[in-house]
Each structure stands twice: as C-alpha cells, then as structure tokens.
Amino acid sequence: MFCGCCQHTTPRVGNESRYFQCWHSKVNKVASRYGLTISETELEGMLYEILPKQAQVILNMADLSIVGMLDAQPAEQAEYDK
C-alpha cells in the first residue's frame, strides 16, 4: 500500500481495528494529510467496488457477467484473511 500524496509506503497498523497510515504525514504536522488514515475494512470495500468496474473497462464489456465470480465466498474470504 502506498500513500497517494507522497508515494511512500503506508504500513498496516493496529491489532483489533487495522488501518493504514502514512508515516510521513504522521510526523509532519503541517501536511494537509496529517493524521489521515484508512481502515482496512473501508479499503477492502472500495477495492471490491472498483475492481469489477476496472475489469469492465479493460475487457471492453458493458455488462460484466463474471462480476459475481469476483465476490469471495465467506469461507474463502476467511481463508484470505488468514
């Protein structure tokens, strides 16, 4: 994961509620993105929303019928989380 502003890596932190935060923005109090974080859950949700749309554009398909295949089953998703 990389910061969209400074392009530095953005490590995942936290034990129970995991999130990503750019360390450069954490130490630079005058940065416009100071203290900005994104939760792991929110990021995953955005990716699951964006990836099918990107696949539609790449495959030049108006209606992507394989979108359902991109949704992980709960058991598979639990395995991915491990």
Protein backbone atom coordinates (compact mmCIF):
# COMPACT_ATOMS: atom_id res chain seq x y z
CA MET A 1 0.00 0.00 0.00
CA PHE A 2 1.33 3.42 -0.95
CA CYS A 3 0.30 6.94 0.05
CA GLY A 4 -1.47 8.67 -2.81
CA CYS A 5 0.10 12.00 -1.86
CA CYS A 6 3.78 11.29 -1.23
CA GLN A 7 4.11 7.78 -2.77
CA HIS A 8 5.77 6.37 0.37
CA THR A 9 4.72 3.01 1.76
CA THR A 10 1.76 3.03 4.10
CA PRO A 11 2.06 0.25 6.66
CA ARG A 12 -0.88 -1.53 8.23
CA VAL A 13 -1.08 -0.81 11.95
CA GLY A 14 -3.35 -1.74 14.82
CA ASN A 15 -4.30 -5.03 16.36
CA GLU A 16 -8.07 -5.16 16.63
CA SER A 17 -9.07 -2.45 14.17
CA ARG A 18 -6.41 -2.38 11.48
CA TYR A 19 -5.79 0.67 9.38
CA PHE A 20 -3.21 2.19 7.05
CA GLN A 21 -1.42 5.46 7.80
CA CYS A 22 1.40 7.23 6.00
CA TRP A 23 4.23 7.73 8.49
CA HIS A 24 5.44 10.81 6.66
CA SER A 25 2.13 12.56 7.20
CA LYS A 26 2.08 11.40 10.82
CA VAL A 27 5.28 13.29 11.67
CA ASN A 28 4.65 16.36 9.51
CA LYS A 29 2.00 18.33 11.40
CA VAL A 30 1.72 20.97 8.67
CA ALA A 31 0.94 18.40 5.95
CA SER A 32 -2.58 18.67 4.56
CA ARG A 33 -3.00 14.94 5.11
CA TYR A 34 -1.69 14.98 8.71
CA GLY A 35 -3.19 12.11 10.69
CA LEU A 36 -5.14 10.78 7.71
CA THR A 37 -5.88 7.06 7.96
CA ILE A 38 -7.99 4.50 6.14
CA SER A 39 -9.34 1.39 7.78
CA GLU A 40 -8.57 -1.99 6.28
CA THR A 41 -12.29 -2.74 6.00
CA GLU A 42 -13.01 0.52 4.18
CA LEU A 43 -10.12 -0.07 1.78
CA GLU A 44 -11.27 -3.62 1.01
CA GLY A 45 -14.80 -2.36 0.35
CA MET A 46 -13.53 0.25 -2.09
CA LEU A 47 -11.39 -2.33 -3.89
CA TYR A 48 -14.31 -4.75 -4.25
CA GLU A 49 -16.31 -1.89 -5.75
CA ILE A 50 -13.58 -0.59 -8.07
CA LEU A 51 -12.10 -3.85 -9.42
CA PRO A 52 -15.20 -5.01 -11.34
CA LYS A 53 -15.51 -1.55 -12.92
CA GLN A 54 -11.86 -1.62 -13.96
CA ALA A 55 -12.34 -5.12 -15.39
CA GLN A 56 -15.28 -3.83 -17.45
CA VAL A 57 -13.11 -1.09 -18.93
CA ILE A 58 -10.15 -3.38 -19.59
CA LEU A 59 -12.30 -6.11 -21.16
CA ASN A 60 -14.40 -3.51 -23.04
CA MET A 61 -17.64 -5.01 -21.76
CA ALA A 62 -20.73 -3.01 -20.90
CA ASP A 63 -22.11 -5.69 -18.59
CA LEU A 64 -19.54 -7.84 -16.88
CA SER A 65 -21.27 -11.14 -16.14
CA ILE A 66 -18.27 -12.50 -14.22
CA VAL A 67 -18.63 -9.84 -11.51
CA GLY A 68 -20.31 -12.45 -9.32
CA MET A 69 -17.21 -14.59 -9.66
CA LEU A 70 -15.15 -11.81 -8.09
CA ASP A 71 -17.14 -12.00 -4.87
CA ALA A 72 -15.36 -14.33 -2.49
CA GLN A 73 -17.46 -16.84 -0.62
CA PRO A 74 -17.39 -16.37 3.18
CA ALA A 75 -15.23 -19.49 3.72
CA GLU A 76 -12.78 -18.39 1.04
CA GLN A 77 -12.73 -14.86 2.41
CA ALA A 78 -11.91 -16.19 5.88
CA GLU A 79 -9.02 -18.13 4.36
CA TYR A 80 -7.78 -14.99 2.59
CA ASP A 81 -7.92 -13.08 5.88
CA LYS A 82 -5.60 -15.65 7.46
